[in-house]
């Protein structure tokens, strides 16, 4: 039997209505990320050891 992941909303939901949000799930060996507005669409999964470097890179990225 497979259990559904326990999705948690990001602590930062953006301005306005707070609808610009990601959800994160701990899948034991991986971390999954999805768009809270489209939860049935694709998810990104990362090995646990790659998740922190990924977030660190995003924080340092400059947006156009």
C-alpha atoms as a PDB file:
ATOM      1  CA  UNK A   1       0.000   0.000   0.000  1.00  0.00           C
ATOM      2  CA  UNK A   2       1.292   3.449  -0.928  1.00  0.00           C
ATOM      3  CA  UNK A   3       0.546   6.420   1.300  1.00  0.00           C
ATOM      4  CA  UNK A   4       0.013   9.907  -0.057  1.00  0.00           C
ATOM      5  CA  UNK A   5       2.742  12.444   0.637  1.00  0.00           C
ATOM      6  CA  UNK A   6       2.110  14.953   3.404  1.00  0.00           C
ATOM      7  CA  UNK A   7       2.269  18.243   1.479  1.00  0.00           C
ATOM      8  CA  UNK A   8       3.077  21.411   3.431  1.00  0.00           C
ATOM      9  CA  UNK A   9       2.690  24.941   2.142  1.00  0.00           C
ATOM     10  CA  UNK A  10       5.812  27.043   1.962  1.00  0.00           C
ATOM     11  CA  UNK A  11       6.246  29.539   4.789  1.00  0.00           C
ATOM     12  CA  UNK A  12       6.470  32.305   2.159  1.00  0.00           C
ATOM     13  CA  UNK A  13       3.284  32.644   0.152  1.00  0.00           C
ATOM     14  CA  UNK A  14       3.995  35.905  -1.613  1.00  0.00           C
ATOM     15  CA  UNK A  15       1.955  39.086  -1.457  1.00  0.00           C
ATOM     16  CA  UNK A  16      -1.705  39.668  -2.109  1.00  0.00           C
ATOM     17  CA  UNK A  17      -3.955  36.688  -1.498  1.00  0.00           C
ATOM     18  CA  UNK A  18      -1.053  34.357  -0.755  1.00  0.00           C
ATOM     19  CA  UNK A  19      -1.866  32.236  -3.794  1.00  0.00           C
ATOM     20  CA  UNK A  20       1.659  32.240  -5.245  1.00  0.00           C
ATOM     21  CA  UNK A  21       2.880  29.325  -3.238  1.00  0.00           C
ATOM     22  CA  UNK A  22       4.796  26.106  -3.403  1.00  0.00           C
ATOM     23  CA  UNK A  23       4.102  22.971  -1.451  1.00  0.00           C
ATOM     24  CA  UNK A  24       6.852  20.656  -0.236  1.00  0.00           C
ATOM     25  CA  UNK A  25       6.673  16.988   0.767  1.00  0.00           C
ATOM     26  CA  UNK A  26       9.313  14.872   2.505  1.00  0.00           C
ATOM     27  CA  UNK A  27       9.413  11.494   0.738  1.00  0.00           C
ATOM     28  CA  UNK A  28      12.134   9.991   2.985  1.00  0.00           C
ATOM     29  CA  UNK A  29      14.865   9.751   0.330  1.00  0.00           C
ATOM     30  CA  UNK A  30      13.635  12.676  -1.785  1.00  0.00           C
ATOM     31  CA  UNK A  31      12.013  16.078  -1.410  1.00  0.00           C
ATOM     32  CA  UNK A  32       9.103  16.899  -3.742  1.00  0.00           C
ATOM     33  CA  UNK A  33       7.912  20.365  -4.771  1.00  0.00           C
ATOM     34  CA  UNK A  34       4.679  21.316  -6.535  1.00  0.00           C
ATOM     35  CA  UNK A  35       2.630  24.390  -7.391  1.00  0.00           C
ATOM     36  CA  UNK A  36      -0.187  24.767  -4.859  1.00  0.00           C
ATOM     37  CA  UNK A  37      -2.467  26.205  -7.573  1.00  0.00           C
ATOM     38  CA  UNK A  38      -2.035  23.102  -9.756  1.00  0.00           C
ATOM     39  CA  UNK A  39      -1.393  20.166  -7.400  1.00  0.00           C
ATOM     40  CA  UNK A  40      -2.257  17.499  -9.983  1.00  0.00           C
ATOM     41  CA  UNK A  41       0.367  18.739 -12.432  1.00  0.00           C
ATOM     42  CA  UNK A  42       4.007  17.738 -12.447  1.00  0.00           C
ATOM     43  CA  UNK A  43       6.198  17.789  -9.362  1.00  0.00           C
ATOM     44  CA  UNK A  44       9.929  18.262  -9.032  1.00  0.00           C
ATOM     45  CA  UNK A  45      11.769  15.740  -6.893  1.00  0.00           C
ATOM     46  CA  UNK A  46      15.276  16.028  -5.534  1.00  0.00           C
ATOM     47  CA  UNK A  47      17.476  13.693  -3.539  1.00  0.00           C
ATOM     48  CA  UNK A  48      17.588  15.061   0.002  1.00  0.00           C
ATOM     49  CA  UNK A  49      21.285  15.928  -0.401  1.00  0.00           C
ATOM     50  CA  UNK A  50      20.560  18.088  -3.475  1.00  0.00           C
ATOM     51  CA  UNK A  51      17.615  20.034  -2.055  1.00  0.00           C
ATOM     52  CA  UNK A  52      19.545  22.515   0.118  1.00  0.00           C
ATOM     53  CA  UNK A  53      22.013  23.416  -2.679  1.00  0.00           C
ATOM     54  CA  UNK A  54      19.018  23.889  -5.024  1.00  0.00           C
ATOM     55  CA  UNK A  55      17.300  26.310  -2.606  1.00  0.00           C
ATOM     56  CA  UNK A  56      20.577  28.115  -1.954  1.00  0.00           C
ATOM     57  CA  UNK A  57      21.080  28.590  -5.708  1.00  0.00           C
ATOM     58  CA  UNK A  58      17.544  29.946  -6.075  1.00  0.00           C
ATOM     59  CA  UNK A  59      18.089  32.462  -3.291  1.00  0.00           C
ATOM     60  CA  UNK A  60      21.228  33.716  -5.040  1.00  0.00           C
ATOM     61  CA  UNK A  61      19.663  33.889  -8.525  1.00  0.00           C
ATOM     62  CA  UNK A  62      19.000  37.257 -10.070  1.00  0.00           C
ATOM     63  CA  UNK A  63      15.677  37.565 -11.832  1.00  0.00           C
ATOM     64  CA  UNK A  64      15.408  39.755 -14.955  1.00  0.00           C
END
